[in-house]
Amino acid sequence: MGRKWTGIGAGAGALLPDGLMVALGLGLIGAILWGLGQLLNFLTSL
């Protein structure tokens, strides 16, 4: 079961250029940090 998903991930990774993968990763990290910041702002304003 796990091997099938690993193969799909590797295939998708091979199709996408490295730069795009890096950009997606940075975008995801940025979105998570932004979300955490919003949550902290909300909690401190209570």
Protein backbone atom coordinates (compact mmCIF):
# COMPACT_ATOMS: atom_id res chain seq x y z
CA MET A 1 0.00 0.00 0.00
CA GLY A 2 2.72 2.46 1.00
CA ARG A 3 4.81 1.67 -2.08
CA LYS A 4 2.02 2.77 -4.42
CA TRP A 5 1.76 6.22 -2.83
CA THR A 6 5.55 6.61 -2.77
CA GLY A 7 5.61 5.84 -6.50
CA ILE A 8 2.91 8.43 -7.19
CA GLY A 9 4.80 11.02 -5.15
CA ALA A 10 8.06 10.26 -6.96
CA GLY A 11 6.30 10.48 -10.33
CA ALA A 12 4.76 13.85 -9.45
CA GLY A 13 8.14 15.06 -8.18
CA ALA A 14 9.81 14.02 -11.43
CA LEU A 15 7.20 15.90 -13.50
CA LEU A 16 7.53 19.13 -11.52
CA PRO A 17 10.67 21.26 -11.81
CA ASP A 18 12.74 21.57 -8.63
CA GLY A 19 12.12 25.31 -8.43
CA LEU A 20 8.38 24.77 -8.35
CA MET A 21 8.70 22.22 -5.56
CA VAL A 22 10.80 24.68 -3.53
CA ALA A 23 8.29 27.47 -4.18
CA LEU A 24 5.41 25.23 -3.07
CA GLY A 25 7.30 24.25 0.07
CA LEU A 26 8.09 27.86 0.96
CA GLY A 27 4.50 28.89 0.25
CA LEU A 28 3.21 26.14 2.54
CA ILE A 29 5.62 27.15 5.33
CA GLY A 30 4.63 30.80 4.91
CA ALA A 31 0.93 29.94 5.07
CA ILE A 32 1.43 27.92 8.25
CA LEU A 33 3.44 30.72 9.90
CA TRP A 34 0.82 33.29 8.84
CA GLY A 35 -1.94 31.09 10.29
CA LEU A 36 -0.06 30.70 13.58
CA GLY A 37 0.45 34.46 13.75
CA GLN A 38 -3.26 35.07 13.20
CA LEU A 39 -4.11 32.54 15.91
CA LEU A 40 -1.71 34.20 18.37
CA ASN A 41 -3.15 37.63 17.59
CA PHE A 42 -6.65 36.29 18.19
CA LEU A 43 -5.72 34.60 21.47
CA THR A 44 -3.88 37.64 22.83
CA SER A 45 -6.80 39.92 21.96
CA LEU A 46 -9.26 37.90 24.05
